[in-house]
Amino acid sequence: MDTWLHFPGFPPIKGVGEPIVGIEAKKYIGPDDDDMPIEDAKTASRTIGERNGKNAAGWVFDGNTSIETYQTVLSGINEGDPQVYDMFREPTFSGEYGDDYSIRDLADEIGIDYDSTHTDDIDQIGEEYLDAARIAFWDEIERVARLQLG
């Protein structure tokens, strides 16, 4: 099949009339849209969130935690008791403490420019982080409580 289009009096135009091949569009984040695909940034933020959530759970129990506390926490997690969920501070970007992990810290760790990233993009990346951090946090607390109860 000839894929040249010819108008009388003009040179043929190659490619006109050829089927259009789908191209996957990637959304990039950064000032010039040449930095990092947003999906890669979300994936990185989930990985960082899982790590930080698990690490934060490491501060919940210590060598002095009683068996009753482990039982209460595990029972509350299994029943979805809000009092148990209010006992511990989940990972957030609240800035309540001066050394809290922030959305700016996350952007730096991923390798994107926080100040030049669109607000919607950084919000999506932050939500991916927080979701992963909170899930990992509670999964680790439950794992440790189960381990201690045998």
Protein backbone atom coordinates (compact mmCIF):
# COMPACT_ATOMS: atom_id res chain seq x y z
CA MET A 1 0.00 0.00 0.00
CA ASP A 2 1.30 3.42 -0.93
CA THR A 3 1.44 5.67 2.12
CA TRP A 4 2.21 8.80 0.16
CA LEU A 5 -0.45 11.42 -0.26
CA HIS A 6 -0.15 13.46 -3.42
CA PHE A 7 -1.84 16.71 -4.24
CA PRO A 8 -1.43 17.88 -7.83
CA GLY A 9 1.23 20.56 -8.03
CA PHE A 10 2.77 19.68 -4.63
CA PRO A 11 5.38 17.09 -3.67
CA PRO A 12 4.06 13.88 -2.09
CA ILE A 13 3.67 13.89 1.73
CA LYS A 14 4.98 10.73 3.38
CA GLY A 15 3.03 9.34 6.28
CA VAL A 16 -0.27 11.00 5.59
CA GLY A 17 -2.93 8.33 5.63
CA GLU A 18 -0.87 5.89 7.73
CA PRO A 19 -2.58 4.37 10.75
CA ILE A 20 -1.97 6.24 13.97
CA VAL A 21 -0.05 4.23 16.51
CA GLY A 22 -1.07 4.79 20.13
CA ILE A 23 1.56 6.51 22.19
CA GLU A 24 1.38 6.27 25.95
CA ALA A 25 1.52 9.75 27.37
CA LYS A 26 3.47 10.10 30.59
CA LYS A 27 2.92 12.97 32.92
CA TYR A 28 6.15 14.39 34.23
CA ILE A 29 6.67 16.45 37.32
CA GLY A 30 9.06 19.29 37.56
CA PRO A 31 9.46 22.80 36.26
CA ASP A 32 10.22 21.80 32.68
CA ASP A 33 8.21 18.58 32.65
CA ASP A 34 11.44 16.71 31.98
CA ASP A 35 12.24 15.49 35.45
CA MET A 36 10.48 12.32 36.56
CA PRO A 37 7.28 10.59 35.48
CA ILE A 38 4.68 11.10 38.19
CA GLU A 39 4.01 7.35 38.39
CA ASP A 40 7.70 6.79 39.22
CA ALA A 41 7.48 9.44 41.93
CA LYS A 42 4.38 7.79 43.38
CA THR A 43 6.08 4.40 43.39
CA ALA A 44 9.11 5.86 45.15
CA SER A 45 6.91 7.60 47.71
CA ARG A 46 5.08 4.33 48.48
CA THR A 47 8.40 2.54 49.01
CA ILE A 48 9.64 5.30 51.31
CA GLY A 49 6.28 5.34 53.13
CA GLU A 50 6.41 1.59 53.77
CA ARG A 51 9.93 1.91 55.19
CA ASN A 52 9.10 4.92 57.38
CA GLY A 53 5.82 3.43 58.59
CA LYS A 54 7.53 0.25 59.69
CA ASN A 55 10.29 2.23 61.39
CA ALA A 56 7.73 4.41 63.21
CA ALA A 57 6.04 1.29 64.56
CA GLY A 58 9.36 0.29 66.10
CA TRP A 59 8.84 3.05 68.69
CA VAL A 60 5.43 1.80 69.86
CA PHE A 61 6.51 -1.10 72.07
CA ASP A 62 9.59 -1.56 74.20
CA GLY A 63 11.01 -4.08 76.62
CA ASN A 64 8.63 -2.90 79.35
CA THR A 65 5.41 -3.41 77.38
CA SER A 66 3.06 -5.71 79.25
CA ILE A 67 1.31 -8.76 77.82
CA GLU A 68 -2.00 -7.02 78.60
CA THR A 69 -1.02 -4.11 76.36
CA TYR A 70 -0.18 -6.44 73.48
CA GLN A 71 -3.54 -8.21 74.01
CA THR A 72 -5.46 -4.93 74.13
CA VAL A 73 -3.78 -3.58 71.01
CA LEU A 74 -4.25 -6.79 69.03
CA SER A 75 -7.86 -7.13 70.11
CA GLY A 76 -8.53 -3.48 69.22
CA ILE A 77 -6.96 -3.86 65.78
CA ASN A 78 -9.01 -6.98 65.10
CA GLU A 79 -12.23 -5.24 66.19
CA GLY A 80 -11.43 -1.87 64.60
CA ASP A 81 -11.63 -0.15 67.99
CA PRO A 82 -10.97 3.59 67.49
CA GLN A 83 -9.55 3.89 71.01
CA VAL A 84 -6.69 1.59 70.05
CA TYR A 85 -6.06 3.53 66.87
CA ASP A 86 -5.95 6.73 68.91
CA MET A 87 -3.35 5.28 71.29
CA PHE A 88 -0.51 5.76 68.82
CA ARG A 89 0.56 8.58 66.54
CA GLU A 90 0.50 7.48 62.90
CA PRO A 91 3.02 8.89 60.44
CA THR A 92 1.81 12.28 59.15
CA PHE A 93 3.11 15.48 57.63
CA SER A 94 1.60 17.51 60.48
CA GLY A 95 4.84 19.15 61.56
CA GLU A 96 3.74 18.77 65.17
CA TYR A 97 7.35 18.17 66.16
CA GLY A 98 10.29 20.01 64.68
CA ASP A 99 12.03 16.92 63.36
CA ASP A 100 8.93 15.32 61.80
CA TYR A 101 9.28 13.96 58.30
CA SER A 102 7.70 16.49 55.94
CA ILE A 103 6.41 16.58 52.39
CA ARG A 104 9.53 18.59 51.53
CA ASP A 105 11.71 15.80 52.99
CA LEU A 106 9.82 13.32 50.82
CA ALA A 107 10.35 15.40 47.68
CA ASP A 108 14.06 15.69 48.45
CA GLU A 109 14.37 11.94 49.03
CA ILE A 110 12.57 11.13 45.78
CA GLY A 111 14.68 13.66 43.91
CA ILE A 112 12.10 16.19 42.82
CA ASP A 113 12.06 19.93 43.34
CA TYR A 114 9.36 20.64 45.91
CA ASP A 115 9.10 24.34 45.09
CA SER A 116 8.69 23.77 41.34
CA THR A 117 6.32 20.81 41.49
CA HIS A 118 2.64 21.44 40.80
CA THR A 119 0.52 21.39 43.95
CA ASP A 120 -1.79 18.63 42.67
CA ASP A 121 1.19 16.42 41.83
CA ILE A 122 2.89 16.85 45.18
CA ASP A 123 -0.44 16.22 46.94
CA GLN A 124 -0.88 12.94 45.05
CA ILE A 125 2.69 11.89 45.86
CA GLY A 126 2.16 12.79 49.53
CA GLU A 127 -1.08 10.79 49.70
CA GLU A 128 0.67 7.74 48.24
CA TYR A 129 3.34 8.10 50.93
CA LEU A 130 0.87 8.53 53.79
CA ASP A 131 -1.31 5.60 52.70
CA ALA A 132 1.71 3.30 52.50
CA ALA A 133 3.19 4.59 55.77
CA ARG A 134 -0.03 4.12 57.73
CA ILE A 135 -0.66 0.62 56.39
CA ALA A 136 2.93 -0.44 57.13
CA PHE A 137 2.72 1.17 60.59
CA TRP A 138 -0.35 -0.79 61.66
CA ASP A 139 0.79 -4.00 59.96
CA GLU A 140 4.06 -3.87 61.91
CA ILE A 141 2.30 -3.13 65.21
CA GLU A 142 0.00 -6.10 64.63
CA ARG A 143 2.93 -8.34 63.63
CA VAL A 144 4.91 -7.47 66.78
CA ALA A 145 1.87 -7.92 69.06
CA ARG A 146 1.17 -11.34 67.55
CA LEU A 147 4.83 -12.29 67.88
CA GLN A 148 4.90 -11.31 71.56
CA LEU A 149 1.71 -13.22 72.32
CA GLY A 150 3.12 -16.33 70.74
